[in-house]
Protein backbone atom coordinates (compact mmCIF):
# COMPACT_ATOMS: atom_id res chain seq x y z
CA MET A 1 -78.71 197.96 8.21
CA ALA A 2 -78.79 199.13 4.58
CA PRO A 3 -76.31 202.00 5.11
CA VAL A 4 -73.85 199.65 6.82
CA LYS A 5 -73.95 197.24 3.92
CA SER A 6 -73.60 200.13 1.50
CA GLY A 7 -70.58 201.40 3.43
CA ARG A 8 -69.00 197.96 3.44
CA ARG A 9 -69.58 197.64 -0.31
CA SER A 10 -68.06 201.04 -0.98
CA ALA A 11 -65.02 200.27 1.21
CA ALA A 12 -64.56 196.94 -0.57
CA TYR A 13 -64.95 198.66 -3.93
CA ILE A 14 -62.34 201.30 -3.07
CA ARG A 15 -59.94 198.64 -1.78
CA SER A 16 -60.40 196.62 -4.97
CA ARG A 17 -59.59 199.70 -7.05
CA VAL A 18 -56.65 201.17 -5.18
CA GLY A 19 -55.41 198.15 -3.22
CA TYR A 20 -53.56 198.65 0.03
CA TRP A 21 -51.33 201.53 -1.10
CA PRO A 22 -53.02 204.12 1.18
CA TYR A 23 -51.80 202.14 4.19
CA LEU A 24 -48.23 202.85 3.11
CA VAL A 25 -48.70 206.62 3.15
CA PRO A 26 -47.88 207.16 6.89
CA GLY A 27 -44.70 205.10 6.62
CA VAL A 28 -43.63 206.86 3.42
CA LEU A 29 -44.24 210.29 4.93
CA LEU A 30 -42.28 209.34 8.05
CA PHE A 31 -39.41 207.99 5.93
CA ILE A 32 -39.30 211.22 3.93
CA ALA A 33 -39.36 213.37 7.09
CA VAL A 34 -36.77 211.36 9.03
CA ILE A 35 -34.44 210.09 6.29
CA VAL A 36 -34.84 211.85 2.94
CA VAL A 37 -35.15 215.47 4.10
CA PRO A 38 -32.23 215.37 6.60
CA PHE A 39 -30.01 213.61 4.05
CA ALA A 40 -30.88 216.19 1.37
CA MET A 41 -30.11 219.03 3.80
CA ASN A 42 -26.83 217.39 4.80
CA LEU A 43 -25.93 216.94 1.13
CA TYR A 44 -26.63 220.62 0.46
CA PHE A 45 -24.56 221.80 3.43
CA SER A 46 -21.64 219.62 2.29
CA PHE A 47 -21.24 221.97 -0.70
CA THR A 48 -21.16 225.06 1.50
CA SER A 49 -18.96 226.80 4.03
CA TRP A 50 -21.09 227.43 7.12
CA ARG A 51 -20.42 227.85 10.82
CA GLY A 52 -24.01 227.18 11.90
CA ILE A 53 -25.07 230.85 11.93
CA GLY A 54 -25.73 233.26 9.13
CA GLU A 55 -26.14 232.24 5.51
CA PRO A 56 -24.26 229.24 4.09
CA GLU A 57 -21.74 230.14 1.39
CA TRP A 58 -21.76 227.87 -1.67
CA ILE A 59 -18.24 226.58 -2.34
CA GLY A 60 -18.94 223.55 -4.55
CA LEU A 61 -16.59 220.60 -4.15
CA GLU A 62 -14.02 222.34 -1.93
CA ASN A 63 -14.96 220.36 1.18
CA TYR A 64 -14.58 217.06 -0.68
CA LEU A 65 -11.27 218.12 -2.21
CA GLU A 66 -10.02 219.05 1.24
CA LEU A 67 -11.15 215.66 2.57
CA ALA A 68 -9.07 213.90 -0.07
CA SER A 69 -5.90 215.40 1.41
CA ASP A 70 -6.94 215.32 5.08
CA SER A 71 -4.79 212.77 6.92
CA THR A 72 -7.22 212.66 9.87
CA PHE A 73 -10.01 211.66 7.51
CA TRP A 74 -8.01 208.73 6.13
CA ILE A 75 -6.89 207.69 9.62
CA SER A 76 -10.54 207.60 10.70
CA PHE A 77 -11.46 205.32 7.80
CA ARG A 78 -8.48 203.08 8.52
CA ASN A 79 -9.75 202.81 12.08
CA SER A 80 -13.15 201.83 10.68
CA ILE A 81 -11.54 198.67 9.35
CA ALA A 82 -10.43 197.89 12.91
CA MET A 83 -14.02 198.53 14.06
CA VAL A 84 -15.28 196.01 11.48
CA VAL A 85 -12.83 193.44 12.85
CA ALA A 86 -13.95 194.15 16.43
CA ILE A 87 -17.71 194.27 15.77
CA VAL A 88 -18.09 191.78 12.91
CA VAL A 89 -15.21 189.37 12.38
CA ILE A 90 -14.22 188.43 15.94
CA PRO A 91 -17.74 188.38 17.52
CA THR A 92 -19.18 186.42 14.59
CA ALA A 93 -16.45 183.78 14.77
CA ILE A 94 -16.53 183.48 18.57
CA GLY A 95 -20.34 183.74 18.63
CA LEU A 96 -20.65 180.88 16.15
CA LEU A 97 -18.39 178.66 18.23
CA LEU A 98 -20.15 179.52 21.49
CA ALA A 99 -23.65 179.14 20.02
CA ALA A 100 -22.77 175.72 18.61
CA THR A 101 -21.23 174.74 21.95
CA PHE A 102 -24.25 175.89 23.96
CA PHE A 103 -26.68 174.21 21.60
CA ASP A 104 -24.84 171.00 20.80
CA PHE A 105 -22.93 170.30 24.01
CA ILE A 106 -24.25 172.23 27.01
CA GLY A 107 -27.86 171.96 25.91
CA ARG A 108 -27.57 168.17 25.65
CA ARG A 109 -25.50 167.60 28.79
CA PHE A 110 -27.09 170.10 31.19
CA GLY A 111 -30.41 170.92 29.57
CA PRO A 112 -31.66 173.82 27.43
CA ARG A 113 -32.34 175.99 30.48
CA VAL A 114 -28.62 176.20 31.33
CA ALA A 115 -27.82 177.06 27.72
CA SER A 116 -30.48 179.79 27.79
CA VAL A 117 -29.02 181.28 30.97
CA LEU A 118 -25.55 181.41 29.42
CA ARG A 119 -26.99 182.97 26.26
CA ALA A 120 -28.70 185.65 28.36
CA LEU A 121 -25.50 186.40 30.27
CA TYR A 122 -23.56 186.91 27.05
CA TYR A 123 -26.34 189.12 25.67
CA LEU A 124 -26.42 191.33 28.77
CA PRO A 125 -23.94 193.94 27.40
CA GLN A 126 -26.35 194.54 24.52
CA VAL A 127 -29.10 195.77 26.87
CA VAL A 128 -26.83 197.85 29.13
CA PRO A 129 -26.79 201.53 28.05
CA VAL A 130 -23.64 202.24 26.06
CA VAL A 131 -22.76 205.31 28.13
CA ALA A 132 -23.07 203.42 31.43
CA ALA A 133 -21.00 200.49 30.15
CA GLY A 134 -18.44 202.87 28.65
CA LEU A 135 -18.03 204.72 31.94
CA LEU A 136 -17.59 201.40 33.73
CA TRP A 137 -14.85 200.38 31.32
CA THR A 138 -13.22 203.80 31.66
CA TRP A 139 -12.94 203.19 35.40
CA ILE A 140 -11.65 199.63 34.91
CA LEU A 141 -8.98 200.79 32.45
CA GLN A 142 -7.91 203.90 34.39
CA PRO A 143 -4.07 203.78 34.55
CA GLN A 144 -3.56 204.64 38.25
CA THR A 145 -6.54 203.36 40.20
CA GLY A 146 -8.37 201.29 37.60
CA GLY A 147 -9.49 197.78 38.42
CA LEU A 148 -7.42 196.06 35.72
CA ASN A 149 -4.09 197.67 36.62
CA THR A 150 -4.78 197.23 40.33
CA VAL A 151 -5.17 193.48 39.82
CA LEU A 152 -2.07 193.32 37.62
CA ARG A 153 0.04 195.10 40.22
CA ALA A 154 -1.37 192.90 42.99
CA VAL A 155 -0.14 189.74 41.24
CA GLY A 156 3.28 191.21 40.45
CA LEU A 157 2.70 192.08 36.79
CA ASP A 158 3.53 195.76 37.09
CA SER A 159 5.06 195.86 33.62
CA LEU A 160 1.65 195.03 32.13
CA ALA A 161 -0.13 197.87 33.99
CA LEU A 162 -0.39 200.24 31.03
CA ASN A 163 -2.22 203.42 30.18
CA TRP A 164 -4.72 201.44 28.13
CA LEU A 165 -6.79 204.27 26.72
CA GLY A 166 -4.20 207.05 26.92
CA ASP A 167 -1.39 205.51 24.88
CA PRO A 168 -1.67 205.63 21.06
CA GLU A 169 -0.12 202.16 20.89
CA THR A 170 -2.72 200.50 23.13
CA ALA A 171 -5.82 202.68 22.74
CA LEU A 172 -7.16 201.14 19.53
CA PRO A 173 -6.64 197.47 20.56
CA THR A 174 -8.24 198.27 23.92
CA VAL A 175 -11.29 199.88 22.31
CA MET A 176 -11.55 196.91 19.96
CA SER A 177 -11.55 194.53 22.95
CA VAL A 178 -14.32 196.50 24.65
CA LEU A 179 -16.36 196.45 21.42
CA VAL A 180 -15.97 192.67 21.19
CA TRP A 181 -17.39 192.47 24.73
CA PHE A 182 -20.27 194.73 23.68
CA GLN A 183 -21.11 192.81 20.51
CA ILE A 184 -20.53 189.13 21.20
CA GLY A 185 -24.00 188.45 22.63
CA TYR A 186 -25.80 189.47 19.43
CA PRO A 187 -24.46 186.69 17.16
CA ILE A 188 -24.87 184.12 19.94
CA VAL A 189 -28.59 184.88 20.25
CA VAL A 190 -29.15 184.90 16.48
CA PHE A 191 -27.16 181.71 15.85
CA MET A 192 -28.77 179.77 18.68
CA ALA A 193 -32.19 180.70 17.31
CA ALA A 194 -31.05 179.59 13.86
CA LEU A 195 -29.82 176.25 15.16
CA GLU A 196 -33.33 175.49 16.40
CA ARG A 197 -34.52 175.05 12.81
CA VAL A 198 -31.68 172.74 11.72
CA ASP A 199 -32.86 169.16 11.25
CA PRO A 200 -31.35 167.15 14.16
CA GLU A 201 -31.26 164.06 11.95
CA LEU A 202 -28.37 165.64 10.05
CA TYR A 203 -26.27 165.73 13.23
CA GLU A 204 -27.35 162.21 14.22
CA ALA A 205 -26.34 160.84 10.82
CA ALA A 206 -22.99 162.63 11.01
CA GLU A 207 -22.35 161.27 14.51
CA MET A 208 -23.17 157.75 13.36
CA ASP A 209 -20.62 158.18 10.57
CA GLY A 210 -18.02 159.18 13.16
CA ALA A 211 -17.69 162.82 12.11
CA PRO A 212 -15.95 164.91 14.82
CA TRP A 213 -17.53 168.07 16.23
CA PHE A 214 -15.60 170.54 14.07
CA THR A 215 -16.40 168.55 10.95
CA ARG A 216 -20.11 168.59 11.81
CA MET A 217 -19.91 172.31 12.38
CA ARG A 218 -18.15 172.96 9.07
CA ALA A 219 -20.30 170.61 6.99
CA ILE A 220 -23.72 171.09 8.64
CA THR A 221 -23.96 174.05 11.01
CA ILE A 222 -22.36 176.77 8.89
CA PRO A 223 -24.16 175.88 5.60
CA GLN A 224 -27.52 175.51 7.34
CA ILE A 225 -27.42 178.88 9.12
CA ARG A 226 -25.73 180.84 6.34
CA PRO A 227 -28.66 183.33 6.03
CA GLU A 228 -28.34 184.23 9.71
CA ILE A 229 -24.56 184.59 9.36
CA PHE A 230 -25.18 187.02 6.51
CA VAL A 231 -27.66 189.05 8.58
CA VAL A 232 -25.22 189.30 11.49
CA THR A 233 -22.38 190.25 9.15
CA LEU A 234 -24.40 192.89 7.29
CA THR A 235 -25.91 194.57 10.36
CA GLY A 236 -22.60 194.38 12.22
CA THR A 237 -20.69 195.96 9.32
CA ILE A 238 -23.14 198.85 9.12
CA SER A 239 -22.87 199.35 12.90
CA ALA A 240 -19.08 199.23 12.74
CA LEU A 241 -18.89 201.87 10.03
CA GLN A 242 -21.24 204.12 12.01
CA VAL A 243 -19.88 203.47 15.51
CA PHE A 244 -19.92 206.60 17.64
CA ALA A 245 -21.05 206.25 21.27
CA PRO A 246 -18.26 203.91 22.51
CA ILE A 247 -15.60 206.17 20.95
CA TYR A 248 -17.25 209.26 22.43
CA VAL A 249 -17.32 207.77 25.94
CA LEU A 250 -14.03 205.87 26.01
CA THR A 251 -11.45 208.00 24.19
CA GLY A 252 -13.03 210.96 22.41
CA GLY A 253 -11.18 209.89 19.26
CA GLY A 254 -7.76 210.18 20.92
CA PRO A 255 -5.04 209.97 21.76
CA GLU A 256 -3.55 211.51 18.61
CA ASN A 257 -6.55 210.36 16.53
CA SER A 258 -5.59 206.74 17.15
CA THR A 259 -9.23 205.81 17.77
CA ASN A 260 -10.93 208.46 15.64
CA VAL A 261 -13.66 207.20 13.29
CA PRO A 262 -15.63 209.01 10.54
CA SER A 263 -18.80 209.47 12.59
CA TYR A 264 -16.87 211.03 15.49
CA PHE A 265 -14.73 213.12 13.11
CA SER A 266 -17.93 214.45 11.53
CA TYR A 267 -19.35 215.21 14.99
CA THR A 268 -16.28 217.20 16.08
CA SER A 269 -16.28 219.10 12.78
CA PHE A 270 -19.92 220.02 13.33
CA PHE A 271 -19.93 220.96 17.00
CA THR A 272 -16.34 221.49 18.16
CA ARG A 273 -14.79 223.30 15.21
CA ALA A 274 -18.11 224.72 13.89
CA GLN A 275 -17.27 223.56 10.36
CA VAL A 276 -20.78 222.44 9.45
CA GLY A 277 -20.10 222.10 5.72
CA TYR A 278 -16.97 220.03 6.30
CA GLY A 279 -18.74 217.78 8.82
CA ALA A 280 -21.61 217.35 6.38
CA ALA A 281 -19.15 216.27 3.69
CA ILE A 282 -17.69 213.63 6.02
CA ALA A 283 -21.18 212.39 6.89
CA THR A 284 -22.13 212.23 3.19
CA VAL A 285 -19.06 210.20 2.28
CA LEU A 286 -19.71 207.87 5.22
CA ALA A 287 -23.35 207.38 4.16
CA LEU A 288 -22.28 206.55 0.60
CA VAL A 289 -19.65 204.09 1.85
CA VAL A 290 -22.21 202.35 4.08
CA LEU A 291 -24.69 202.17 1.19
CA LEU A 292 -22.06 200.80 -1.19
CA VAL A 293 -20.86 198.16 1.28
CA ALA A 294 -24.45 197.08 2.01
CA LEU A 295 -25.29 196.77 -1.70
CA VAL A 296 -22.14 194.75 -2.41
CA MET A 297 -22.84 192.38 0.48
CA ILE A 298 -26.50 191.94 -0.53
CA ARG A 299 -25.46 191.28 -4.13
CA PHE A 300 -22.89 188.73 -3.00
CA GLN A 301 -25.44 186.98 -0.78
CA ALA A 302 -28.00 186.87 -3.59
CA ARG A 303 -25.45 185.37 -5.98
CA SER A 304 -24.39 182.82 -3.36
CA GLU A 305 -28.01 181.76 -2.78
CA LYS A 306 -28.60 181.48 -6.53
CA GLU A 307 -25.54 179.25 -6.94
CA ASP A 308 -26.69 177.05 -4.05
CA SER A 309 -30.16 176.68 -5.56
CA GLU A 310 -28.66 175.61 -8.89
CA LEU A 311 -26.61 172.82 -7.28
């Protein structure tokens, strides 16, 4: 038994001297291999002219200077704002209303099981593979034989049977609508979980004072679940700026770049036009924009929490 005790003492001694830092080594090495090294390589390639074969040619800031005057690049970032609206603004607002309705009305009238079933139904698009869901929507929105236009023609609304994904005027709003359908379940699940920790006595006191439902939501629900609203907003904004798969499946960035976004523009520069350096420059700018937006939002949230704690 003496060697076991000695081993335990030595392990405890080492832990007391170095702490738990060795346990972080695997995670740090994985982070370096998966994040740091690829980003450094991408950053290097962004300063080169390279077609994916041969030796990269160092050209300095030429790719970035070309980006500054590339109309497609600016169109893609303008479309990113539309993606933020479709993935963050609209789903968060609708999700908050639906979560409060499920929790405060349906849960009380019909029981929590019914509310849970509705929550699961809304969350279903989140677990369906993006490619499968995108192909389904492509069939539904097909201009000639698609399900949506077939129904519209059947009820006599032929003028509304449009080329939803093939017309530059309708493609972006249509993609935004599909993205709302994709995303809306996420805030509902997060907000309903957040409402579980809100003190029910607050709602009971407000009801006794005669406060209507919207007043209770504005004065109690939103302030109480503000951290969860911030998490949904932050993660949704990052997803919106990086959105790729739905664009790839639904429109391929078209028609006429009306649905192009930076991630897809970078992809086509890499693999379609074989402009690896230019695609790397787009990806670098996108990564810096995402980082900047995340830091600003985190700083704003920290300041807001500090002001609330001082009240």
